[in-house]
Amino acid sequence: MRSFFPFMFLAIACGAFILNIFAIMDMIPLIITVPLLFISIYLTLFSFTHRHTFRGFR
């Protein structure tokens, strides 16, 4: 299940990018789409890099 999250966040980032394109064409307010794009890119990068961190010996 954890390996599914990075690809889900990647799909959300692509959707947020498309919404941002609509905002540039003045169809949606830009103030709404820019934070969505930033959060989705942040979560995508975090989910791809977090699984490689050292969590200690068990």
N, C-alpha and C. Protein backbone atom coordinates (compact mmCIF):
# COMPACT_ATOMS: atom_id res chain seq x y z
N MET A 1 0.83 -1.20 0.00
CA MET A 1 0.00 0.00 0.00
C MET A 1 0.87 1.26 0.00
N ARG A 2 2.02 1.20 0.68
CA ARG A 2 2.87 2.39 0.73
C ARG A 2 3.47 2.71 -0.63
N SER A 3 3.67 1.71 -1.45
CA SER A 3 4.24 1.98 -2.77
C SER A 3 3.20 2.62 -3.70
N PHE A 4 1.94 2.60 -3.31
CA PHE A 4 0.88 3.21 -4.11
C PHE A 4 0.84 4.72 -3.92
N PHE A 5 1.19 5.22 -2.74
CA PHE A 5 1.08 6.65 -2.43
C PHE A 5 1.92 7.55 -3.33
N PRO A 6 3.17 7.22 -3.63
CA PRO A 6 3.92 8.14 -4.52
C PRO A 6 3.27 8.31 -5.89
N PHE A 7 2.74 7.24 -6.44
CA PHE A 7 2.11 7.35 -7.76
C PHE A 7 0.76 8.05 -7.69
N MET A 8 0.07 7.92 -6.57
CA MET A 8 -1.18 8.65 -6.39
C MET A 8 -0.89 10.15 -6.29
N PHE A 9 0.16 10.51 -5.53
CA PHE A 9 0.53 11.92 -5.41
C PHE A 9 1.04 12.47 -6.74
N LEU A 10 1.67 11.63 -7.54
CA LEU A 10 2.13 12.05 -8.86
C LEU A 10 0.94 12.36 -9.76
N ALA A 11 -0.11 11.55 -9.69
CA ALA A 11 -1.32 11.82 -10.46
C ALA A 11 -2.01 13.10 -9.98
N ILE A 12 -2.00 13.32 -8.67
CA ILE A 12 -2.59 14.55 -8.13
C ILE A 12 -1.79 15.77 -8.57
N ALA A 13 -0.46 15.64 -8.63
CA ALA A 13 0.38 16.75 -9.09
C ALA A 13 0.11 17.06 -10.55
N CYS A 14 -0.11 16.04 -11.36
CA CYS A 14 -0.45 16.27 -12.77
C CYS A 14 -1.80 16.98 -12.90
N GLY A 15 -2.76 16.57 -12.09
CA GLY A 15 -4.06 17.24 -12.08
C GLY A 15 -3.96 18.68 -11.62
N ALA A 16 -3.13 18.94 -10.62
CA ALA A 16 -2.94 20.30 -10.13
C ALA A 16 -2.23 21.16 -11.18
N PHE A 17 -1.34 20.54 -11.94
CA PHE A 17 -0.67 21.28 -13.02
C PHE A 17 -1.68 21.69 -14.10
N ILE A 18 -2.59 20.79 -14.43
CA ILE A 18 -3.62 21.12 -15.43
C ILE A 18 -4.53 22.23 -14.90
N LEU A 19 -4.87 22.16 -13.62
CA LEU A 19 -5.68 23.24 -13.03
C LEU A 19 -4.92 24.57 -13.07
N ASN A 20 -3.61 24.51 -12.86
CA ASN A 20 -2.81 25.73 -12.92
C ASN A 20 -2.77 26.30 -14.33
N ILE A 21 -2.76 25.45 -15.33
CA ILE A 21 -2.84 25.93 -16.72
C ILE A 21 -4.18 26.65 -16.95
N PHE A 22 -5.26 26.07 -16.40
CA PHE A 22 -6.56 26.74 -16.50
C PHE A 22 -6.55 28.08 -15.78
N ALA A 23 -5.82 28.16 -14.67
CA ALA A 23 -5.75 29.42 -13.93
C ALA A 23 -4.97 30.47 -14.71
N ILE A 24 -3.96 30.03 -15.45
CA ILE A 24 -3.21 30.99 -16.27
C ILE A 24 -4.10 31.54 -17.39
N MET A 25 -5.04 30.72 -17.86
CA MET A 25 -5.99 31.19 -18.88
C MET A 25 -7.18 31.92 -18.27
N ASP A 26 -7.13 32.24 -16.98
CA ASP A 26 -8.15 32.99 -16.24
C ASP A 26 -9.50 32.28 -16.18
N MET A 27 -9.48 30.96 -16.11
CA MET A 27 -10.72 30.19 -15.93
C MET A 27 -10.98 29.89 -14.46
N ILE A 28 -9.92 29.78 -13.68
CA ILE A 28 -9.98 29.49 -12.25
C ILE A 28 -9.08 30.53 -11.57
N PRO A 29 -9.41 30.96 -10.36
CA PRO A 29 -8.52 31.92 -9.68
C PRO A 29 -7.14 31.31 -9.41
N LEU A 30 -6.11 32.07 -9.70
CA LEU A 30 -4.74 31.62 -9.52
C LEU A 30 -4.39 31.45 -8.05
N ILE A 31 -5.03 32.19 -7.18
CA ILE A 31 -4.76 32.12 -5.74
C ILE A 31 -5.15 30.76 -5.16
N ILE A 32 -6.04 30.04 -5.83
CA ILE A 32 -6.46 28.71 -5.38
C ILE A 32 -5.54 27.63 -5.93
N THR A 33 -5.13 27.76 -7.17
CA THR A 33 -4.41 26.67 -7.81
C THR A 33 -2.93 26.62 -7.46
N VAL A 34 -2.31 27.76 -7.17
CA VAL A 34 -0.88 27.75 -6.87
C VAL A 34 -0.58 27.01 -5.57
N PRO A 35 -1.31 27.24 -4.47
CA PRO A 35 -1.05 26.42 -3.27
C PRO A 35 -1.33 24.93 -3.49
N LEU A 36 -2.35 24.60 -4.27
CA LEU A 36 -2.62 23.19 -4.57
C LEU A 36 -1.46 22.56 -5.32
N LEU A 37 -0.92 23.28 -6.28
CA LEU A 37 0.22 22.76 -7.04
C LEU A 37 1.45 22.60 -6.14
N PHE A 38 1.70 23.58 -5.28
CA PHE A 38 2.85 23.50 -4.39
C PHE A 38 2.73 22.33 -3.42
N ILE A 39 1.56 22.16 -2.82
CA ILE A 39 1.35 21.07 -1.86
C ILE A 39 1.45 19.71 -2.55
N SER A 40 0.90 19.60 -3.73
CA SER A 40 0.95 18.31 -4.42
C SER A 40 2.37 17.96 -4.86
N ILE A 41 3.14 18.93 -5.31
CA ILE A 41 4.54 18.66 -5.67
C ILE A 41 5.34 18.31 -4.42
N TYR A 42 5.10 19.01 -3.32
CA TYR A 42 5.79 18.71 -2.07
C TYR A 42 5.50 17.29 -1.60
N LEU A 43 4.24 16.90 -1.60
CA LEU A 43 3.87 15.55 -1.16
C LEU A 43 4.42 14.48 -2.09
N THR A 44 4.48 14.77 -3.38
CA THR A 44 5.05 13.81 -4.33
C THR A 44 6.53 13.59 -4.06
N LEU A 45 7.28 14.68 -3.92
CA LEU A 45 8.71 14.55 -3.65
C LEU A 45 8.97 13.91 -2.30
N PHE A 46 8.17 14.26 -1.30
CA PHE A 46 8.34 13.68 0.03
C PHE A 46 8.05 12.19 0.01
N SER A 47 7.03 11.76 -0.71
CA SER A 47 6.68 10.34 -0.72
C SER A 47 7.70 9.51 -1.50
N PHE A 48 8.32 10.11 -2.53
CA PHE A 48 9.35 9.36 -3.26
C PHE A 48 10.65 9.26 -2.49
N THR A 49 10.98 10.25 -1.66
CA THR A 49 12.26 10.23 -0.95
C THR A 49 12.17 9.69 0.46
N HIS A 50 11.00 9.68 1.07
CA HIS A 50 10.89 9.28 2.47
C HIS A 50 11.09 7.78 2.67
N ARG A 51 10.78 6.98 1.71
CA ARG A 51 10.89 5.54 1.90
C ARG A 51 12.33 5.05 1.89
N HIS A 52 13.28 5.91 1.53
CA HIS A 52 14.69 5.53 1.52
C HIS A 52 15.42 5.99 2.78
N THR A 53 14.70 6.49 3.77
CA THR A 53 15.35 6.98 4.97
C THR A 53 15.63 5.82 5.93
N PHE A 54 16.65 6.00 6.74
CA PHE A 54 17.02 4.99 7.73
C PHE A 54 16.11 5.13 8.94
N ARG A 55 15.45 4.07 9.32
CA ARG A 55 14.50 4.11 10.43
C ARG A 55 15.01 3.38 11.66
N GLY A 56 16.25 2.97 11.64
CA GLY A 56 16.84 2.31 12.80
C GLY A 56 16.78 0.80 12.68
N PHE A 57 17.48 0.17 13.60
CA PHE A 57 17.49 -1.29 13.62
C PHE A 57 16.29 -1.79 14.41
N ARG A 58 15.68 -2.86 13.94
CA ARG A 58 14.51 -3.40 14.66
C ARG A 58 14.82 -4.75 15.23
